[in-house]
Amino acid sequence: VRTEGPRSLYNGLVAGLQRQMSFASVRIGLYDSVKQFYTK
């Protein structure tokens, strides 16, 4: 923050949010359904 400014803490945030919205929604959203499928 002192040498590069507060914005430096969020370098690459946009790419991270895009990844989470696409990747996390699938891996977490499908977890319960997949778990139920395999436990049966």
PDB file of all heavy atoms in Angstrom:
ATOM      1  N   VAL A   1       0.839  -1.203   0.000  1.00  0.00           N
ATOM      2  CA  VAL A   1       0.000   0.000   0.000  1.00  0.00           C
ATOM      3  C   VAL A   1       0.868   1.245   0.000  1.00  0.00           C
ATOM      4  O   VAL A   1       0.584   2.222  -0.718  1.00  0.00           O
ATOM      5  CB  VAL A   1      -0.944  -0.002   1.226  1.00  0.00           C
ATOM      6  CG1 VAL A   1      -1.652   1.339   1.361  1.00  0.00           C
ATOM      7  CG2 VAL A   1      -1.969  -1.123   1.090  1.00  0.00           C
ATOM      8  N   ARG A   2       1.953   1.206   0.761  1.00  0.00           N
ATOM      9  CA  ARG A   2       2.825   2.377   0.868  1.00  0.00           C
ATOM     10  C   ARG A   2       3.634   2.612  -0.399  1.00  0.00           C
ATOM     11  O   ARG A   2       3.816   3.763  -0.822  1.00  0.00           O
ATOM     12  CB  ARG A   2       3.776   2.193   2.062  1.00  0.00           C
ATOM     13  CG  ARG A   2       4.649   3.429   2.342  1.00  0.00           C
ATOM     14  CD  ARG A   2       5.470   3.257   3.600  1.00  0.00           C
ATOM     15  NE  ARG A   2       6.437   2.167   3.491  1.00  0.00           N
ATOM     16  CZ  ARG A   2       6.335   1.018   4.137  1.00  0.00           C
ATOM     17  NH1 ARG A   2       5.311   0.796   4.943  1.00  0.00           N
ATOM     18  NH2 ARG A   2       7.258   0.084   3.986  1.00  0.00           N
ATOM     19  N   THR A   3       4.118   1.556  -1.028  1.00  0.00           N
ATOM     20  CA  THR A   3       5.013   1.715  -2.189  1.00  0.00           C
ATOM     21  C   THR A   3       4.293   1.660  -3.536  1.00  0.00           C
ATOM     22  O   THR A   3       4.745   2.259  -4.509  1.00  0.00           O
ATOM     23  CB  THR A   3       6.098   0.617  -2.165  1.00  0.00           C
ATOM     24  OG1 THR A   3       5.480  -0.678  -2.188  1.00  0.00           O
ATOM     25  CG2 THR A   3       6.965   0.755  -0.919  1.00  0.00           C
ATOM     26  N   GLU A   4       3.166   0.923  -3.602  1.00  0.00           N
ATOM     27  CA  GLU A   4       2.487   0.738  -4.886  1.00  0.00           C
ATOM     28  C   GLU A   4       1.052   1.241  -4.905  1.00  0.00           C
ATOM     29  O   GLU A   4       0.423   1.258  -5.961  1.00  0.00           O
ATOM     30  CB  GLU A   4       2.501  -0.748  -5.272  1.00  0.00           C
ATOM     31  CG  GLU A   4       3.888  -1.366  -5.318  1.00  0.00           C
ATOM     32  CD  GLU A   4       3.834  -2.870  -5.548  1.00  0.00           C
ATOM     33  OE1 GLU A   4       3.038  -3.297  -6.414  1.00  0.00           O
ATOM     34  OE2 GLU A   4       4.567  -3.613  -4.869  1.00  0.00           O
ATOM     35  N   GLY A   5       0.541   1.613  -3.736  1.00  0.00           N
ATOM     36  CA  GLY A   5      -0.834   2.074  -3.661  1.00  0.00           C
ATOM     37  C   GLY A   5      -1.803   0.949  -3.330  1.00  0.00           C
ATOM     38  O   GLY A   5      -1.504  -0.235  -3.565  1.00  0.00           O
ATOM     39  N   PRO A   6      -2.988   1.266  -2.793  1.00  0.00           N
ATOM     40  CA  PRO A   6      -3.963   0.237  -2.389  1.00  0.00           C
ATOM     41  C   PRO A   6      -4.427  -0.651  -3.537  1.00  0.00           C
ATOM     42  O   PRO A   6      -4.747  -1.822  -3.329  1.00  0.00           O
ATOM     43  CB  PRO A   6      -5.137   1.069  -1.838  1.00  0.00           C
ATOM     44  CG  PRO A   6      -4.542   2.388  -1.484  1.00  0.00           C
ATOM     45  CD  PRO A   6      -3.441   2.622  -2.472  1.00  0.00           C
ATOM     46  N   ARG A   7      -4.455  -0.108  -4.758  1.00  0.00           N
ATOM     47  CA  ARG A   7      -4.952  -0.896  -5.895  1.00  0.00           C
ATOM     48  C   ARG A   7      -4.052  -2.090  -6.208  1.00  0.00           C
ATOM     49  O   ARG A   7      -4.492  -3.057  -6.841  1.00  0.00           O
ATOM     50  CB  ARG A   7      -5.086  -0.005  -7.130  1.00  0.00           C
ATOM     51  CG  ARG A   7      -6.141   1.077  -7.006  1.00  0.00           C
ATOM     52  CD  ARG A   7      -6.263   1.903  -8.264  1.00  0.00           C
ATOM     53  NE  ARG A   7      -6.698   1.106  -9.408  1.00  0.00           N
ATOM     54  CZ  ARG A   7      -6.870   1.583 -10.624  1.00  0.00           C
ATOM     55  NH1 ARG A   7      -6.631   2.880 -10.860  1.00  0.00           N
ATOM     56  NH2 ARG A   7      -7.275   0.799 -11.608  1.00  0.00           N
ATOM     57  N   SER A   8      -2.796  -2.032  -5.769  1.00  0.00           N
ATOM     58  CA  SER A   8      -1.881  -3.139  -6.050  1.00  0.00           C
ATOM     59  C   SER A   8      -2.316  -4.430  -5.360  1.00  0.00           C
ATOM     60  O   SER A   8      -1.966  -5.526  -5.797  1.00  0.00           O
ATOM     61  CB  SER A   8      -0.460  -2.779  -5.603  1.00  0.00           C
ATOM     62  OG  SER A   8      -0.400  -2.591  -4.194  1.00  0.00           O
ATOM     63  N   LEU A   9      -3.088  -4.298  -4.273  1.00  0.00           N
ATOM     64  CA  LEU A   9      -3.563  -5.482  -3.553  1.00  0.00           C
ATOM     65  C   LEU A   9      -4.593  -6.262  -4.355  1.00  0.00           C
ATOM     66  O   LEU A   9      -4.862  -7.425  -4.065  1.00  0.00           O
ATOM     67  CB  LEU A   9      -4.182  -5.065  -2.215  1.00  0.00           C
ATOM     68  CG  LEU A   9      -3.251  -4.377  -1.211  1.00  0.00           C
ATOM     69  CD1 LEU A   9      -4.044  -3.911  -0.010  1.00  0.00           C
ATOM     70  CD2 LEU A   9      -2.137  -5.315  -0.773  1.00  0.00           C
ATOM     71  N   TYR A  10      -5.161  -5.604  -5.359  1.00  0.00           N
ATOM     72  CA  TYR A  10      -6.227  -6.237  -6.149  1.00  0.00           C
ATOM     73  C   TYR A  10      -5.816  -6.441  -7.603  1.00  0.00           C
ATOM     74  O   TYR A  10      -6.679  -6.569  -8.472  1.00  0.00           O
ATOM     75  CB  TYR A  10      -7.502  -5.401  -6.065  1.00  0.00           C
ATOM     76  CG  TYR A  10      -8.187  -5.510  -4.722  1.00  0.00           C
ATOM     77  CD1 TYR A  10      -7.897  -4.597  -3.705  1.00  0.00           C
ATOM     78  CD2 TYR A  10      -9.088  -6.528  -4.464  1.00  0.00           C
ATOM     79  CE1 TYR A  10      -8.510  -4.700  -2.470  1.00  0.00           C
ATOM     80  CE2 TYR A  10      -9.706  -6.644  -3.227  1.00  0.00           C
ATOM     81  CZ  TYR A  10      -9.418  -5.719  -2.233  1.00  0.00           C
ATOM     82  OH  TYR A  10     -10.027  -5.837  -0.997  1.00  0.00           O
ATOM     83  N   ASN A  11      -4.512  -6.490  -7.871  1.00  0.00           N
ATOM     84  CA  ASN A  11      -4.058  -6.798  -9.226  1.00  0.00           C
ATOM     85  C   ASN A  11      -4.511  -8.204  -9.619  1.00  0.00           C
ATOM     86  O   ASN A  11      -4.248  -9.173  -8.912  1.00  0.00           O
ATOM     87  CB  ASN A  11      -2.523  -6.722  -9.309  1.00  0.00           C
ATOM     88  CG  ASN A  11      -2.019  -5.295  -9.262  1.00  0.00           C
ATOM     89  OD1 ASN A  11      -2.750  -4.360  -9.573  1.00  0.00           O
ATOM     90  ND2 ASN A  11      -0.763  -5.103  -8.875  1.00  0.00           N
ATOM     91  N   GLY A  12      -5.190  -8.295 -10.750  1.00  0.00           N
ATOM     92  CA  GLY A  12      -5.684  -9.587 -11.211  1.00  0.00           C
ATOM     93  C   GLY A  12      -7.039  -9.969 -10.645  1.00  0.00           C
ATOM     94  O   GLY A  12      -7.489 -11.110 -10.819  1.00  0.00           O
ATOM     95  N   LEU A  13      -7.723  -9.027  -9.986  1.00  0.00           N
ATOM     96  CA  LEU A  13      -9.010  -9.344  -9.360  1.00  0.00           C
ATOM     97  C   LEU A  13     -10.070  -9.713 -10.392  1.00  0.00           C
ATOM     98  O   LEU A  13     -10.845 -10.657 -10.179  1.00  0.00           O
ATOM     99  CB  LEU A  13      -9.495  -8.162  -8.519  1.00  0.00           C
ATOM    100  CG  LEU A  13     -10.885  -8.322  -7.892  1.00  0.00           C
ATOM    101  CD1 LEU A  13     -10.896  -9.474  -6.892  1.00  0.00           C
ATOM    102  CD2 LEU A  13     -11.319  -7.027  -7.214  1.00  0.00           C
ATOM    103  N   VAL A  14     -10.122  -8.991 -11.503  1.00  0.00           N
ATOM    104  CA  VAL A  14     -11.158  -9.231 -12.507  1.00  0.00           C
ATOM    105  C   VAL A  14     -11.082 -10.666 -13.027  1.00  0.00           C
ATOM    106  O   VAL A  14     -12.098 -11.374 -13.116  1.00  0.00           O
ATOM    107  CB  VAL A  14     -11.046  -8.232 -13.675  1.00  0.00           C
ATOM    108  CG1 VAL A  14     -12.044  -8.580 -14.774  1.00  0.00           C
ATOM    109  CG2 VAL A  14     -11.286  -6.809 -13.174  1.00  0.00           C
ATOM    110  N   ALA A  15      -9.863 -11.109 -13.350  1.00  0.00           N
ATOM    111  CA  ALA A  15      -9.692 -12.485 -13.820  1.00  0.00           C
ATOM    112  C   ALA A  15     -10.087 -13.483 -12.735  1.00  0.00           C
ATOM    113  O   ALA A  15     -10.683 -14.534 -13.017  1.00  0.00           O
ATOM    114  CB  ALA A  15      -8.249 -12.718 -14.245  1.00  0.00           C
ATOM    115  N   GLY A  16      -9.772 -13.140 -11.485  1.00  0.00           N
ATOM    116  CA  GLY A  16     -10.133 -14.023 -10.374  1.00  0.00           C
ATOM    117  C   GLY A  16     -11.638 -14.146 -10.209  1.00  0.00           C
ATOM    118  O   GLY A  16     -12.157 -15.235  -9.971  1.00  0.00           O
ATOM    119  N   LEU A  17     -12.359 -13.027 -10.354  1.00  0.00           N
ATOM    120  CA  LEU A  17     -13.812 -13.054 -10.223  1.00  0.00           C
ATOM    121  C   LEU A  17     -14.457 -13.835 -11.362  1.00  0.00           C
ATOM    122  O   LEU A  17     -15.432 -14.569 -11.151  1.00  0.00           O
ATOM    123  CB  LEU A  17     -14.360 -11.628 -10.178  1.00  0.00           C
ATOM    124  CG  LEU A  17     -13.985 -10.794  -8.949  1.00  0.00           C
ATOM    125  CD1 LEU A  17     -14.583  -9.395  -9.052  1.00  0.00           C
ATOM    126  CD2 LEU A  17     -14.444 -11.466  -7.662  1.00  0.00           C
ATOM    127  N   GLN A  18     -13.908 -13.654 -12.565  1.00  0.00           N
ATOM    128  CA  GLN A  18     -14.433 -14.412 -13.709  1.00  0.00           C
ATOM    129  C   GLN A  18     -14.244 -15.908 -13.493  1.00  0.00           C
ATOM    130  O   GLN A  18     -15.143 -16.714 -13.789  1.00  0.00           O
ATOM    131  CB  GLN A  18     -13.730 -13.974 -14.993  1.00  0.00           C
ATOM    132  CG  GLN A  18     -14.091 -12.569 -15.433  1.00  0.00           C
ATOM    133  CD  GLN A  18     -13.268 -12.100 -16.617  1.00  0.00           C
ATOM    134  OE1 GLN A  18     -12.226 -12.674 -16.938  1.00  0.00           O
ATOM    135  NE2 GLN A  18     -13.722 -11.038 -17.276  1.00  0.00           N
ATOM    136  N   ARG A  19     -13.090 -16.275 -12.971  1.00  0.00           N
ATOM    137  CA  ARG A  19     -12.817 -17.694 -12.704  1.00  0.00           C
ATOM    138  C   ARG A  19     -13.765 -18.232 -11.645  1.00  0.00           C
ATOM    139  O   ARG A  19     -14.325 -19.324 -11.793  1.00  0.00           O
ATOM    140  CB  ARG A  19     -11.364 -17.860 -12.255  1.00  0.00           C
ATOM    141  CG  ARG A  19     -11.000 -19.281 -11.856  1.00  0.00           C
ATOM    142  CD  ARG A  19      -9.558 -19.345 -11.387  1.00  0.00           C
ATOM    143  NE  ARG A  19      -9.199 -20.697 -10.982  1.00  0.00           N
ATOM    144  CZ  ARG A  19      -9.423 -21.199  -9.764  1.00  0.00           C
ATOM    145  NH1 ARG A  19     -10.016 -20.469  -8.842  1.00  0.00           N
ATOM    146  NH2 ARG A  19      -9.049 -22.435  -9.466  1.00  0.00           N
ATOM    147  N   GLN A  20     -13.959 -17.474 -10.570  1.00  0.00           N
ATOM    148  CA  GLN A  20     -14.812 -17.948  -9.494  1.00  0.00           C
ATOM    149  C   GLN A  20     -16.263 -18.081  -9.938  1.00  0.00           C
ATOM    150  O   GLN A  20     -16.943 -19.044  -9.592  1.00  0.00           O
ATOM    151  CB  GLN A  20     -14.732 -16.996  -8.291  1.00  0.00           C
ATOM    152  CG  GLN A  20     -13.387 -16.952  -7.598  1.00  0.00           C
ATOM    153  CD  GLN A  20     -13.003 -18.267  -6.966  1.00  0.00           C
ATOM    154  OE1 GLN A  20     -13.779 -19.215  -6.930  1.00  0.00           O
ATOM    155  NE2 GLN A  20     -11.779 -18.361  -6.473  1.00  0.00           N
ATOM    156  N   MET A  21     -16.734 -17.118 -10.728  1.00  0.00           N
ATOM    157  CA  MET A  21     -18.139 -17.143 -11.142  1.00  0.00           C
ATOM    158  C   MET A  21     -18.422 -18.346 -12.039  1.00  0.00           C
ATOM    159  O   MET A  21     -19.509 -18.930 -11.984  1.00  0.00           O
ATOM    160  CB  MET A  21     -18.492 -15.846 -11.879  1.00  0.00           C
ATOM    161  CG  MET A  21     -19.978 -15.589 -11.974  1.00  0.00           C
ATOM    162  SD  MET A  21     -20.709 -15.359 -10.335  1.00  0.00           S
ATOM    163  CE  MET A  21     -22.436 -15.707 -10.662  1.00  0.00           C
ATOM    164  N   SER A  22     -17.442 -18.724 -12.840  1.00  0.00           N
ATOM    165  CA  SER A  22     -17.645 -19.862 -13.737  1.00  0.00           C
ATOM    166  C   SER A  22     -17.256 -21.183 -13.084  1.00  0.00           C
ATOM    167  O   SER A  22     -17.988 -22.172 -13.164  1.00  0.00           O
ATOM    168  CB  SER A  22     -16.848 -19.665 -15.037  1.00  0.00           C
ATOM    169  OG  SER A  22     -15.466 -19.500 -14.755  1.00  0.00           O
ATOM    170  N   PHE A  23     -16.105 -21.194 -12.411  1.00  0.00           N
ATOM    171  CA  PHE A  23     -15.561 -22.441 -11.869  1.00  0.00           C
ATOM    172  C   PHE A  23     -16.231 -22.841 -10.562  1.00  0.00           C
ATOM    173  O   PHE A  23     -16.664 -23.978 -10.388  1.00  0.00           O
ATOM    174  CB  PHE A  23     -14.053 -22.275 -11.681  1.00  0.00           C
ATOM    175  CG  PHE A  23     -13.350 -23.505 -11.171  1.00  0.00           C
ATOM    176  CD1 PHE A  23     -13.486 -24.711 -11.827  1.00  0.00           C
ATOM    177  CD2 PHE A  23     -12.553 -23.445 -10.042  1.00  0.00           C
ATOM    178  CE1 PHE A  23     -12.837 -25.851 -11.358  1.00  0.00           C
ATOM    179  CE2 PHE A  23     -11.903 -24.572  -9.569  1.00  0.00           C
ATOM    180  CZ  PHE A  23     -12.043 -25.771 -10.234  1.00  0.00           C
ATOM    181  N   ALA A  24     -16.333 -21.884  -9.624  1.00  0.00           N
ATOM    182  CA  ALA A  24     -16.897 -22.206  -8.310  1.00  0.00           C
ATOM    183  C   ALA A  24     -18.371 -22.543  -8.402  1.00  0.00           C
ATOM    184  O   ALA A  24     -18.861 -23.396  -7.662  1.00  0.00           O
ATOM    185  CB  ALA A  24     -16.679 -21.039  -7.350  1.00  0.00           C
ATOM    186  N   SER A  25     -19.086 -21.872  -9.298  1.00  0.00           N
ATOM    187  CA  SER A  25     -20.509 -22.155  -9.425  1.00  0.00           C
ATOM    188  C   SER A  25     -20.743 -23.603  -9.839  1.00  0.00           C
ATOM    189  O   SER A  25     -21.710 -24.235  -9.410  1.00  0.00           O
ATOM    190  CB  SER A  25     -21.150 -21.211 -10.446  1.00  0.00           C
ATOM    191  OG  SER A  25     -20.560 -21.369 -11.724  1.00  0.00           O
ATOM    192  N   VAL A  26     -19.829 -24.145 -10.657  1.00  0.00           N
ATOM    193  CA  VAL A  26     -19.968 -25.529 -11.106  1.00  0.00           C
ATOM    194  C   VAL A  26     -19.509 -26.502 -10.022  1.00  0.00           C
ATOM    195  O   VAL A  26     -20.231 -27.433  -9.644  1.00  0.00           O
ATOM    196  CB  VAL A  26     -19.172 -25.769 -12.406  1.00  0.00           C
ATOM    197  CG1 VAL A  26     -19.193 -27.248 -12.784  1.00  0.00           C
ATOM    198  CG2 VAL A  26     -19.746 -24.928 -13.536  1.00  0.00           C
ATOM    199  N   ARG A  27     -18.297 -26.298  -9.490  1.00  0.00           N
ATOM    200  CA  ARG A  27     -17.738 -27.275  -8.545  1.00  0.00           C
ATOM    201  C   ARG A  27     -18.498 -27.308  -7.225  1.00  0.00           C
ATOM    202  O   ARG A  27     -18.690 -28.379  -6.636  1.00  0.00           O
ATOM    203  CB  ARG A  27     -16.255 -26.994  -8.303  1.00  0.00           C
ATOM    204  CG  ARG A  27     -15.944 -25.756  -7.483  1.00  0.00           C
ATOM    205  CD  ARG A  27     -14.428 -25.557  -7.359  1.00  0.00           C
ATOM    206  NE  ARG A  27     -14.091 -24.346  -6.628  1.00  0.00           N
ATOM    207  CZ  ARG A  27     -13.882 -24.312  -5.312  1.00  0.00           C
ATOM    208  NH1 ARG A  27     -13.995 -25.414  -4.608  1.00  0.00           N
ATOM    209  NH2 ARG A  27     -13.563 -23.178  -4.719  1.00  0.00           N
ATOM    210  N   ILE A  28     -18.952 -26.161  -6.750  1.00  0.00           N
ATOM    211  CA  ILE A  28     -19.677 -26.132  -5.481  1.00  0.00           C
ATOM    212  C   ILE A  28     -21.164 -26.383  -5.705  1.00  0.00           C
ATOM    213  O   ILE A  28     -21.813 -27.110  -4.963  1.00  0.00           O
ATOM    214  CB  ILE A  28     -19.463 -24.778  -4.768  1.00  0.00           C
ATOM    215  CG1 ILE A  28     -17.978 -24.581  -4.461  1.00  0.00           C
ATOM    216  CG2 ILE A  28     -20.267 -24.716  -3.473  1.00  0.00           C
ATOM    217  CD1 ILE A  28     -17.629 -23.201  -3.955  1.00  0.00           C
ATOM    218  N   GLY A  29     -21.702 -25.777  -6.775  1.00  0.00           N
ATOM    219  CA  GLY A  29     -23.118 -25.936  -7.048  1.00  0.00           C
ATOM    220  C   GLY A  29     -23.523 -27.363  -7.357  1.00  0.00           C
ATOM    221  O   GLY A  29     -24.625 -27.799  -7.044  1.00  0.00           O
ATOM    222  N   LEU A  30     -22.611 -28.113  -7.975  1.00  0.00           N
ATOM    223  CA  LEU A  30     -22.918 -29.496  -8.349  1.00  0.00           C
ATOM    224  C   LEU A  30     -22.547 -30.510  -7.274  1.00  0.00           C
ATOM    225  O   LEU A  30     -22.865 -31.685  -7.406  1.00  0.00           O
ATOM    226  CB  LEU A  30     -22.185 -29.867  -9.644  1.00  0.00           C
ATOM    227  CG  LEU A  30     -22.761 -29.318 -10.953  1.00  0.00           C
ATOM    228  CD1 LEU A  30     -21.901 -29.766 -12.126  1.00  0.00           C
ATOM    229  CD2 LEU A  30     -24.191 -29.786 -11.152  1.00  0.00           C
ATOM    230  N   TYR A  31     -21.869 -30.060  -6.226  1.00  0.00           N
ATOM    231  CA  TYR A  31     -21.331 -31.008  -5.246  1.00  0.00           C
ATOM    232  C   TYR A  31     -22.418 -31.877  -4.619  1.00  0.00           C
ATOM    233  O   TYR A  31     -22.292 -33.104  -4.552  1.00  0.00           O
ATOM    234  CB  TYR A  31     -20.570 -30.261  -4.146  1.00  0.00           C
ATOM    235  CG  TYR A  31     -20.118 -31.153  -3.016  1.00  0.00           C
ATOM    236  CD1 TYR A  31     -19.117 -32.089  -3.205  1.00  0.00           C
ATOM    237  CD2 TYR A  31     -20.731 -31.082  -1.762  1.00  0.00           C
ATOM    238  CE1 TYR A  31     -18.712 -32.921  -2.180  1.00  0.00           C
ATOM    239  CE2 TYR A  31     -20.327 -31.916  -0.732  1.00  0.00           C
ATOM    240  CZ  TYR A  31     -19.324 -32.825  -0.937  1.00  0.00           C
ATOM    241  OH  TYR A  31     -18.927 -33.643   0.082  1.00  0.00           O
ATOM    242  N   ASP A  32     -23.498 -31.258  -4.147  1.00  0.00           N
ATOM    243  CA  ASP A  32     -24.555 -32.029  -3.492  1.00  0.00           C
ATOM    244  C   ASP A  32     -25.168 -33.055  -4.437  1.00  0.00           C
ATOM    245  O   ASP A  32     -25.409 -34.208  -4.053  1.00  0.00           O
ATOM    246  CB  ASP A  32     -25.651 -31.090  -2.975  1.00  0.00           C
ATOM    247  CG  ASP A  32     -25.211 -30.318  -1.752  1.00  0.00           C
ATOM    248  OD1 ASP A  32     -24.296 -30.809  -1.060  1.00  0.00           O
ATOM    249  OD2 ASP A  32     -25.763 -29.239  -1.494  1.00  0.00           O
ATOM    250  N   SER A  33     -25.407 -32.635  -5.686  1.00  0.00           N
ATOM    251  CA  SER A  33     -26.022 -33.544  -6.651  1.00  0.00           C
ATOM    252  C   SER A  33     -25.098 -34.722  -6.968  1.00  0.00           C
ATOM    253  O   SER A  33     -25.536 -35.876  -7.036  1.00  0.00           O
ATOM    254  CB  SER A  33     -26.366 -32.784  -7.940  1.00  0.00           C
ATOM    255  OG  SER A  33     -27.252 -31.721  -7.666  1.00  0.00           O
ATOM    256  N   VAL A  34     -23.826 -34.428  -7.162  1.00  0.00           N
ATOM    257  CA  VAL A  34     -22.861 -35.495  -7.464  1.00  0.00           C
ATOM    258  C   VAL A  34     -22.698 -36.425  -6.269  1.00  0.00           C
ATOM    259  O   VAL A  34     -22.626 -37.654  -6.419  1.00  0.00           O
ATOM    260  CB  VAL A  34     -21.500 -34.877  -7.866  1.00  0.00           C
ATOM    261  CG1 VAL A  34     -20.447 -35.961  -8.022  1.00  0.00           C
ATOM    262  CG2 VAL A  34     -21.645 -34.089  -9.159  1.00  0.00           C
ATOM    263  N   LYS A  35     -22.657 -35.848  -5.070  1.00  0.00           N
ATOM    264  CA  LYS A  35     -22.519 -36.666  -3.858  1.00  0.00           C
ATOM    265  C   LYS A  35     -23.697 -37.619  -3.716  1.00  0.00           C
ATOM    266  O   LYS A  35     -23.510 -38.806  -3.418  1.00  0.00           O
ATOM    267  CB  LYS A  35     -22.437 -35.755  -2.622  1.00  0.00           C
ATOM    268  CG  LYS A  35     -22.253 -36.518  -1.319  1.00  0.00           C
ATOM    269  CD  LYS A  35     -22.250 -35.587  -0.128  1.00  0.00           C
ATOM    270  CE  LYS A  35     -23.645 -35.066   0.146  1.00  0.00           C
ATOM    271  NZ  LYS A  35     -23.713 -34.305   1.409  1.00  0.00           N
ATOM    272  N   GLN A  36     -24.906 -37.116  -3.938  1.00  0.00           N
ATOM    273  CA  GLN A  36     -26.085 -37.964  -3.840  1.00  0.00           C
ATOM    274  C   GLN A  36     -26.061 -39.072  -4.895  1.00  0.00           C
ATOM    275  O   GLN A  36     -26.430 -40.208  -4.632  1.00  0.00           O
ATOM    276  CB  GLN A  36     -27.344 -37.115  -4.000  1.00  0.00           C
ATOM    277  CG  GLN A  36     -27.588 -36.172  -2.830  1.00  0.00           C
ATOM    278  CD  GLN A  36     -28.702 -35.191  -3.111  1.00  0.00           C
ATOM    279  OE1 GLN A  36     -29.365 -35.278  -4.141  1.00  0.00           O
ATOM    280  NE2 GLN A  36     -28.899 -34.254  -2.203  1.00  0.00           N
ATOM    281  N   PHE A  37     -25.578 -38.728  -6.086  1.00  0.00           N
ATOM    282  CA  PHE A  37     -25.527 -39.712  -7.172  1.00  0.00           C
ATOM    283  C   PHE A  37     -24.587 -40.861  -6.828  1.00  0.00           C
ATOM    284  O   PHE A  37     -24.914 -42.038  -7.003  1.00  0.00           O
ATOM    285  CB  PHE A  37     -25.067 -39.029  -8.460  1.00  0.00           C
ATOM    286  CG  PHE A  37     -24.861 -39.986  -9.595  1.00  0.00           C
ATOM    287  CD1 PHE A  37     -25.932 -40.457 -10.344  1.00  0.00           C
ATOM    288  CD2 PHE A  37     -23.578 -40.416  -9.933  1.00  0.00           C
ATOM    289  CE1 PHE A  37     -25.731 -41.342 -11.395  1.00  0.00           C
ATOM    290  CE2 PHE A  37     -23.368 -41.305 -10.983  1.00  0.00           C
ATOM    291  CZ  PHE A  37     -24.453 -41.759 -11.712  1.00  0.00           C
ATOM    292  N   TYR A  38     -23.397 -40.529  -6.289  1.00  0.00           N
ATOM    293  CA  TYR A  38     -22.403 -41.564  -6.019  1.00  0.00           C
ATOM    294  C   TYR A  38     -22.701 -42.334  -4.744  1.00  0.00           C
ATOM    295  O   TYR A  38     -22.372 -43.515  -4.637  1.00  0.00           O
ATOM    296  CB  TYR A  38     -20.998 -40.954  -5.939  1.00  0.00           C
ATOM    297  CG  TYR A  38     -20.385 -40.753  -7.303  1.00  0.00           C
ATOM    298  CD1 TYR A  38     -20.293 -39.480  -7.858  1.00  0.00           C
ATOM    299  CD2 TYR A  38     -19.907 -41.823  -8.051  1.00  0.00           C
ATOM    300  CE1 TYR A  38     -19.749 -39.296  -9.123  1.00  0.00           C
ATOM    301  CE2 TYR A  38     -19.365 -41.646  -9.309  1.00  0.00           C
ATOM    302  CZ  TYR A  38     -19.279 -40.374  -9.836  1.00  0.00           C
ATOM    303  OH  TYR A  38     -18.742 -40.188 -11.079  1.00  0.00           O
ATOM    304  N   THR A  39     -23.289 -41.663  -3.753  1.00  0.00           N
ATOM    305  CA  THR A  39     -23.578 -42.385  -2.510  1.00  0.00           C
ATOM    306  C   THR A  39     -24.715 -43.382  -2.687  1.00  0.00           C
ATOM    307  O   THR A  39     -24.854 -44.322  -1.902  1.00  0.00           O
ATOM    308  CB  THR A  39     -23.955 -41.401  -1.382  1.00  0.00           C
ATOM    309  OG1 THR A  39     -24.985 -40.521  -1.847  1.00  0.00           O
ATOM    310  CG2 THR A  39     -22.745 -40.593  -0.951  1.00  0.00           C
ATOM    311  N   LYS A  40     -25.516 -43.188  -3.733  1.00  0.00           N
ATOM    312  CA  LYS A  40     -26.570 -44.158  -4.005  1.00  0.00           C
ATOM    313  C   LYS A  40     -26.021 -45.406  -4.693  1.00  0.00           C
ATOM    314  O   LYS A  40     -26.613 -46.461  -4.652  1.00  0.00           O
ATOM    315  CB  LYS A  40     -27.650 -43.525  -4.897  1.00  0.00           C
ATOM    316  CG  LYS A  40     -28.510 -42.497  -4.171  1.00  0.00           C
ATOM    317  CD  LYS A  40     -29.527 -41.889  -5.104  1.00  0.00           C
ATOM    318  CE  LYS A  40     -30.361 -40.830  -4.388  1.00  0.00           C
ATOM    319  NZ  LYS A  40     -31.353 -40.189  -5.306  1.00  0.00           N
TER     320      LYS A  40
END
